[in-house]
Amino acid sequence: MRVLILSATTGGGHMRAANALKDYIMSKQSDAVVKIYDTIHYVSPLINKAVTNGYVYLATKTPYIFGTLYKSSDKNTPINKTVELTMMQLRKRLAPMIDDFKPDIVITTHSFATELICALKIREKLKFPIISILTDFAVHKTYINEGVDGYVLSSEEMVGQMLERGVDRDKLYPFGIPIKKEFLSEINRAEAFEEEGLDPSLPTMLIMAGSFGVTDVLKIYHKIVKSPADFQIIVITGKNEKLYETFEKYLSKIDINNTMYEIRQANPDIKKHTSMKSSKHKKPSKPTKLLFFTDKVERYMRMSDIIVTKPGGLTVTESIATGLPLAIFKAIPGQEEQNADYLVRNGMAVRIEKNNKCTEIITDLITHPEKLQAMHDAIEACNKGNSAARIYELMLKLLDKSS
């Protein structure tokens, strides 16, 4: 079986979903040939740079404009017609890839890739089936194309949204977004806490901070540690070096008690109740473990009781897979805002950036574990399990049908 997966690097989730699916396919068919392409870069490195940089700039610097453009692109407008004409021209640049690879089936994890390959398929009367994986929790016009044989949706709610847009029910599969198999496995929590030098008796909060701005992270952390509740924090900055360095300096500057906590972890002989006094240190603090990039995100999710994060599609899916309630911060207008709405509407998340009540909301959740449990139960009700396995079965079904 020859599988072509077309994705893009605008945001991190599209490629993560593509790689997770590839890993599963290879685990089932070791002789399968699976190739992932960054589609935008393949058809035009210049456009890829413009789109990728433009996405980052608009989403972080001018989120309101980004949200406006996102909503506009979901309608039939003259601008969208121009984009569609551009796609028709760019589709030709995919032809060499198809001729060279000769796929039996094509999977897309980005709307741009879906539009291009569908345009080529229709124009050239190609016969391979196409599966489009929607990597957010709301439908957008750009994902819907005539040449798609199956849409993999993130939730049951999206089925109704697709039907309203005239998509055939037989093409809709609410399987969820594919994620790494590690997110589907339990861990030994006692061992994990001991290895990480964390207190298993304390509630644990995970802050996934890599996609926040430095100022945003410091502000939210400062609000969170004001809570009178007892808990500990894990902060993962991802590959954001500036954020890691700034946060490290920030912690060492204000968090005297935590500094001693870290020293005690490295030197068990120091008495447990040893402390350092500082007349200038008046800010409340929480034991905090700061991490740079890690490929063990699923481990820290399984150790945690709540995650503070932006609601990107893959992060949301990974949190749901690990049963982790979400506290949403800094949702970008557009798909992230829609993801947040879905989570809050279904009782899986709370928003902590509005009305400046972050401290109160966190305190309420930590001091009322039954509320966190209710969120966890809501997540379990929406958990799609091993999406990659179901997508793989769909691939075989469509291949059998096409042959």
Foldseek 3Di string as FASTA:
>chain_A
DEEEEEEAPQDPQLVQLLVLLVVVVCVVPVPYHYDYDRVVCQLPVVVNVVVNVVSLCCQAPPLVVVLVVQVVCLDDDPVVVVVLVVLLVSLVSCVVVCVVRVGQAYEYSDLSVQSSPLSVCVVVVDQHAYEYEDLFQEDGNSNDDDRHQAYAHAFPVRLVVVVVVPDDSVRYHPQHGAHHCLLQDADDLVVLCLVLLHDLVFAEEEEEAQSPDLVVVVVLQLLQLQAPDAHEYEYENEQPVVSLVVVVVVCVVAPQQLVVSVVCSVPVVPDPPDGDDDPPRDRGGYNYHYHYHDPVVSSVLLNHLAYEYQQGSVVVLSNLSSLHAYAYDSHRNHRSVVRVVVLVVQLRYHYQPPPNCNNVVSNVCSVCVVSSVSNSVSSPVTRSRRSSVVVVVVSVVSSVVSD
